[in-house]
Amino acid sequence: MPKKFSPELRERAVRMVLERQATQGGPRSHSIRAVAPQLDVSEETLRMWCQRHGHEIAQAPVSETPAEEIRRLKRELAEARRANEILKAASAFFAAELDRPTTR
C-alpha cells in the first residue's frame, strides 16, 4: 500500500533538494540521493515531486528577511521539539506495554 505524504512534506522535500542543489552544485540527482534518506522517502518519489512542483517552488520570490527567517526557524524548532516529546512519551508507553507479563 502506498504511503500518503502531506503537501507540506512534499514542498519541504522539493525545497531541500533545490536548496542543496543551489549550494552544492552538480546534478539534481545527487541532491535527491542525499535528501531522500533524510526524509524517509524513496528517490523515485522525490524525483517525481521535483518534476511536478520544482518549477513552482523555484520561482517563488524569496522575500524573507533574516528576522522573519529566524522567527520561522524558531517556530519549526518548537514544533519539532513538541513532536519529539510526543514520540518519547509514546515509545515509553509502548515499551511498558511490552514489559508487562501476559496471562494466557
N, C-alpha and C. Protein backbone atom coordinates (compact mmCIF):
# COMPACT_ATOMS: atom_id res chain seq x y z
N MET A 1 0.84 -1.17 0.00
CA MET A 1 0.00 0.00 0.00
C MET A 1 0.89 1.24 0.00
N PRO A 2 0.63 2.20 -0.91
CA PRO A 2 1.48 3.38 -0.97
C PRO A 2 1.27 4.28 0.25
N LYS A 3 2.35 4.95 0.62
CA LYS A 3 2.28 5.89 1.74
C LYS A 3 1.63 7.19 1.27
N LYS A 4 0.97 7.86 2.18
CA LYS A 4 0.41 9.17 1.88
C LYS A 4 1.30 10.22 2.55
N PHE A 5 1.77 11.15 1.77
CA PHE A 5 2.63 12.20 2.28
C PHE A 5 1.88 13.52 2.24
N SER A 6 2.06 14.32 3.25
CA SER A 6 1.36 15.61 3.32
C SER A 6 1.95 16.57 2.28
N PRO A 7 1.14 17.51 1.83
CA PRO A 7 1.65 18.50 0.88
C PRO A 7 2.80 19.32 1.47
N GLU A 8 2.77 19.53 2.80
CA GLU A 8 3.85 20.28 3.43
C GLU A 8 5.18 19.53 3.32
N LEU A 9 5.12 18.21 3.52
CA LEU A 9 6.34 17.40 3.41
C LEU A 9 6.85 17.43 1.98
N ARG A 10 5.95 17.32 1.02
CA ARG A 10 6.37 17.35 -0.39
C ARG A 10 7.05 18.67 -0.72
N GLU A 11 6.43 19.77 -0.30
CA GLU A 11 7.00 21.08 -0.59
C GLU A 11 8.36 21.24 0.09
N ARG A 12 8.44 20.80 1.34
CA ARG A 12 9.70 20.90 2.08
C ARG A 12 10.78 20.06 1.42
N ALA A 13 10.42 18.86 0.96
CA ALA A 13 11.40 17.98 0.33
C ALA A 13 11.92 18.60 -0.97
N VAL A 14 11.03 19.12 -1.78
CA VAL A 14 11.46 19.74 -3.04
C VAL A 14 12.33 20.95 -2.75
N ARG A 15 11.93 21.75 -1.75
CA ARG A 15 12.73 22.92 -1.40
C ARG A 15 14.12 22.50 -0.92
N MET A 16 14.20 21.43 -0.13
CA MET A 16 15.50 20.95 0.35
C MET A 16 16.38 20.53 -0.82
N VAL A 17 15.79 19.84 -1.80
CA VAL A 17 16.56 19.41 -2.97
C VAL A 17 17.08 20.62 -3.73
N LEU A 18 16.19 21.59 -3.96
CA LEU A 18 16.60 22.77 -4.72
C LEU A 18 17.65 23.59 -3.98
N GLU A 19 17.50 23.72 -2.66
CA GLU A 19 18.49 24.47 -1.88
C GLU A 19 19.83 23.77 -1.88
N ARG A 20 19.81 22.45 -1.74
CA ARG A 20 21.08 21.70 -1.74
C ARG A 20 21.74 21.80 -3.10
N GLN A 21 20.93 21.73 -4.15
CA GLN A 21 21.49 21.83 -5.49
C GLN A 21 22.10 23.21 -5.71
N ALA A 22 21.46 24.24 -5.17
CA ALA A 22 21.98 25.60 -5.34
C ALA A 22 23.29 25.79 -4.58
N THR A 23 23.39 25.21 -3.39
CA THR A 23 24.60 25.41 -2.59
C THR A 23 25.73 24.48 -3.01
N GLN A 24 25.41 23.21 -3.27
CA GLN A 24 26.43 22.22 -3.59
C GLN A 24 26.79 22.20 -5.07
N GLY A 25 25.83 22.54 -5.92
CA GLY A 25 26.04 22.43 -7.35
C GLY A 25 25.86 20.99 -7.80
N GLY A 26 26.18 20.73 -9.03
CA GLY A 26 26.06 19.38 -9.55
C GLY A 26 24.65 19.07 -10.00
N PRO A 27 24.45 17.85 -10.47
CA PRO A 27 23.13 17.47 -10.97
C PRO A 27 22.11 17.31 -9.85
N ARG A 28 20.85 17.45 -10.21
CA ARG A 28 19.77 17.34 -9.24
C ARG A 28 19.71 15.94 -8.65
N SER A 29 20.10 14.93 -9.41
CA SER A 29 20.03 13.55 -8.91
C SER A 29 20.91 13.35 -7.67
N HIS A 30 22.04 14.06 -7.59
CA HIS A 30 22.90 13.95 -6.40
C HIS A 30 22.18 14.51 -5.18
N SER A 31 21.50 15.64 -5.38
CA SER A 31 20.76 16.24 -4.28
C SER A 31 19.61 15.34 -3.85
N ILE A 32 18.94 14.73 -4.80
CA ILE A 32 17.83 13.83 -4.48
C ILE A 32 18.34 12.64 -3.69
N ARG A 33 19.47 12.07 -4.11
CA ARG A 33 20.05 10.94 -3.38
C ARG A 33 20.43 11.30 -1.95
N ALA A 34 20.82 12.54 -1.73
CA ALA A 34 21.22 12.97 -0.39
C ALA A 34 20.01 13.28 0.50
N VAL A 35 18.97 13.85 -0.07
CA VAL A 35 17.82 14.31 0.71
C VAL A 35 16.83 13.18 0.98
N ALA A 36 16.64 12.27 0.05
CA ALA A 36 15.62 11.22 0.17
C ALA A 36 15.76 10.40 1.46
N PRO A 37 16.94 9.91 1.82
CA PRO A 37 17.03 9.13 3.06
C PRO A 37 16.76 9.95 4.32
N GLN A 38 17.06 11.24 4.28
CA GLN A 38 16.80 12.10 5.43
C GLN A 38 15.32 12.18 5.74
N LEU A 39 14.48 12.12 4.70
CA LEU A 39 13.04 12.28 4.88
C LEU A 39 12.30 10.95 4.81
N ASP A 40 13.04 9.86 4.68
CA ASP A 40 12.44 8.53 4.59
C ASP A 40 11.47 8.44 3.41
N VAL A 41 11.94 8.91 2.27
CA VAL A 41 11.17 8.92 1.03
C VAL A 41 12.04 8.25 -0.02
N SER A 42 11.42 7.51 -0.93
CA SER A 42 12.22 6.87 -1.97
C SER A 42 12.74 7.93 -2.95
N GLU A 43 13.85 7.63 -3.57
CA GLU A 43 14.46 8.57 -4.51
C GLU A 43 13.54 8.85 -5.69
N GLU A 44 12.87 7.80 -6.17
CA GLU A 44 11.98 7.98 -7.32
C GLU A 44 10.78 8.86 -6.97
N THR A 45 10.25 8.70 -5.77
CA THR A 45 9.14 9.53 -5.33
C THR A 45 9.57 10.99 -5.27
N LEU A 46 10.73 11.24 -4.68
CA LEU A 46 11.25 12.60 -4.58
C LEU A 46 11.54 13.18 -5.96
N ARG A 47 12.04 12.36 -6.85
CA ARG A 47 12.31 12.81 -8.22
C ARG A 47 11.01 13.25 -8.90
N MET A 48 9.93 12.48 -8.70
CA MET A 48 8.63 12.85 -9.29
C MET A 48 8.11 14.16 -8.70
N TRP A 49 8.27 14.33 -7.38
CA TRP A 49 7.82 15.57 -6.75
C TRP A 49 8.59 16.75 -7.31
N CYS A 50 9.89 16.58 -7.53
CA CYS A 50 10.70 17.67 -8.07
C CYS A 50 10.27 18.02 -9.49
N GLN A 51 9.94 17.02 -10.27
CA GLN A 51 9.50 17.27 -11.64
C GLN A 51 8.16 18.00 -11.65
N ARG A 52 7.25 17.62 -10.76
CA ARG A 52 5.92 18.22 -10.74
C ARG A 52 5.91 19.62 -10.14
N HIS A 53 6.62 19.80 -9.02
CA HIS A 53 6.47 21.02 -8.25
C HIS A 53 7.74 21.85 -8.15
N GLY A 54 8.82 21.40 -8.71
CA GLY A 54 10.08 22.12 -8.58
C GLY A 54 10.05 23.49 -9.19
N HIS A 55 9.43 23.63 -10.34
CA HIS A 55 9.40 24.94 -11.00
C HIS A 55 8.53 25.94 -10.23
N GLU A 56 7.48 25.46 -9.56
CA GLU A 56 6.62 26.36 -8.78
C GLU A 56 7.39 26.91 -7.58
N ILE A 57 8.12 26.05 -6.90
CA ILE A 57 8.84 26.46 -5.69
C ILE A 57 10.07 27.28 -6.07
N ALA A 58 10.74 26.92 -7.17
CA ALA A 58 11.95 27.62 -7.57
C ALA A 58 11.64 29.06 -7.96
N GLN A 59 10.46 29.31 -8.54
CA GLN A 59 10.11 30.65 -8.99
C GLN A 59 9.49 31.50 -7.89
N ALA A 60 9.20 30.91 -6.75
CA ALA A 60 8.61 31.68 -5.65
C ALA A 60 9.63 32.73 -5.18
N PRO A 61 9.18 33.97 -5.05
CA PRO A 61 10.12 35.00 -4.63
C PRO A 61 10.55 34.80 -3.18
N VAL A 62 11.82 35.03 -2.95
CA VAL A 62 12.36 34.89 -1.60
C VAL A 62 12.40 36.29 -1.00
N SER A 63 11.34 36.65 -0.28
CA SER A 63 11.27 37.99 0.29
C SER A 63 11.37 37.92 1.81
N GLU A 64 11.97 36.87 2.30
CA GLU A 64 12.06 36.67 3.73
C GLU A 64 13.31 37.37 4.26
N THR A 65 13.10 38.26 5.19
CA THR A 65 14.23 38.95 5.80
C THR A 65 14.88 38.01 6.82
N PRO A 66 16.09 38.29 7.24
CA PRO A 66 16.73 37.42 8.23
C PRO A 66 15.92 37.30 9.52
N ALA A 67 15.29 38.37 9.95
CA ALA A 67 14.49 38.31 11.18
C ALA A 67 13.28 37.39 10.99
N GLU A 68 12.64 37.47 9.81
CA GLU A 68 11.50 36.59 9.53
C GLU A 68 11.94 35.14 9.47
N GLU A 69 13.11 34.92 8.85
CA GLU A 69 13.63 33.56 8.76
C GLU A 69 13.93 33.00 10.14
N ILE A 70 14.49 33.80 11.02
CA ILE A 70 14.78 33.35 12.39
C ILE A 70 13.49 32.99 13.11
N ARG A 71 12.45 33.84 12.97
CA ARG A 71 11.16 33.54 13.61
C ARG A 71 10.58 32.24 13.08
N ARG A 72 10.65 32.07 11.75
CA ARG A 72 10.12 30.85 11.12
C ARG A 72 10.89 29.63 11.62
N LEU A 73 12.20 29.73 11.68
CA LEU A 73 13.01 28.61 12.13
C LEU A 73 12.77 28.29 13.60
N LYS A 74 12.55 29.32 14.41
CA LYS A 74 12.24 29.08 15.83
C LYS A 74 10.90 28.36 15.97
N ARG A 75 9.92 28.73 15.15
CA ARG A 75 8.62 28.04 15.18
C ARG A 75 8.79 26.58 14.77
N GLU A 76 9.56 26.34 13.71
CA GLU A 76 9.79 24.97 13.26
C GLU A 76 10.51 24.16 14.34
N LEU A 77 11.48 24.77 15.01
CA LEU A 77 12.21 24.09 16.06
C LEU A 77 11.28 23.74 17.22
N ALA A 78 10.42 24.68 17.61
CA ALA A 78 9.47 24.41 18.69
C ALA A 78 8.53 23.28 18.32
N GLU A 79 8.08 23.27 17.08
CA GLU A 79 7.19 22.20 16.61
C GLU A 79 7.91 20.85 16.62
N ALA A 80 9.16 20.84 16.19
CA ALA A 80 9.93 19.60 16.18
C ALA A 80 10.17 19.09 17.60
N ARG A 81 10.42 20.01 18.53
CA ARG A 81 10.62 19.60 19.92
C ARG A 81 9.34 19.02 20.51
N ARG A 82 8.19 19.63 20.20
CA ARG A 82 6.91 19.09 20.69
C ARG A 82 6.68 17.69 20.12
N ALA A 83 6.93 17.53 18.83
CA ALA A 83 6.75 16.22 18.21
C ALA A 83 7.69 15.20 18.84
N ASN A 84 8.91 15.61 19.14
CA ASN A 84 9.89 14.72 19.76
C ASN A 84 9.41 14.27 21.14
N GLU A 85 8.85 15.19 21.92
CA GLU A 85 8.33 14.84 23.24
C GLU A 85 7.17 13.85 23.13
N ILE A 86 6.31 14.05 22.17
CA ILE A 86 5.19 13.12 21.95
C ILE A 86 5.73 11.74 21.59
N LEU A 87 6.72 11.70 20.73
CA LEU A 87 7.29 10.41 20.33
C LEU A 87 7.99 9.72 21.50
N LYS A 88 8.66 10.49 22.34
CA LYS A 88 9.31 9.89 23.52
C LYS A 88 8.26 9.29 24.45
N ALA A 89 7.17 10.02 24.68
CA ALA A 89 6.12 9.51 25.56
C ALA A 89 5.47 8.26 24.98
N ALA A 90 5.25 8.26 23.67
CA ALA A 90 4.65 7.10 23.03
C ALA A 90 5.58 5.89 23.10
N SER A 91 6.86 6.11 22.88
CA SER A 91 7.78 4.97 22.93
C SER A 91 7.89 4.43 24.36
N ALA A 92 7.84 5.30 25.36
CA ALA A 92 7.86 4.83 26.75
C ALA A 92 6.60 4.02 27.06
N PHE A 93 5.47 4.49 26.56
CA PHE A 93 4.21 3.78 26.78
C PHE A 93 4.26 2.38 26.16
N PHE A 94 4.69 2.30 24.91
CA PHE A 94 4.72 1.01 24.24
C PHE A 94 5.80 0.09 24.82
N ALA A 95 6.89 0.65 25.30
CA ALA A 95 7.92 -0.17 25.94
C ALA A 95 7.37 -0.77 27.22
N ALA A 96 6.58 0.01 27.96
CA ALA A 96 5.97 -0.51 29.18
C ALA A 96 4.97 -1.61 28.85
N GLU A 97 4.25 -1.46 27.75
CA GLU A 97 3.29 -2.49 27.32
C GLU A 97 4.01 -3.80 27.00
N LEU A 98 5.19 -3.71 26.43
CA LEU A 98 5.94 -4.91 26.07
C LEU A 98 6.50 -5.62 27.30
N ASP A 99 6.77 -4.87 28.35
CA ASP A 99 7.33 -5.45 29.56
C ASP A 99 6.30 -6.12 30.47
N ARG A 100 5.04 -5.82 30.25
CA ARG A 100 4.00 -6.41 31.09
C ARG A 100 3.85 -7.89 30.79
N PRO A 101 3.73 -8.72 31.82
CA PRO A 101 3.51 -10.14 31.57
C PRO A 101 2.09 -10.40 31.10
N THR A 102 1.96 -11.32 30.19
CA THR A 102 0.63 -11.66 29.68
C THR A 102 0.13 -12.92 30.42
N THR A 103 -1.15 -12.98 30.63
CA THR A 103 -1.74 -14.14 31.30
C THR A 103 -2.57 -14.90 30.30
N ARG A 104 -2.00 -15.90 29.70
CA ARG A 104 -2.72 -16.72 28.72
C ARG A 104 -2.59 -18.16 29.05
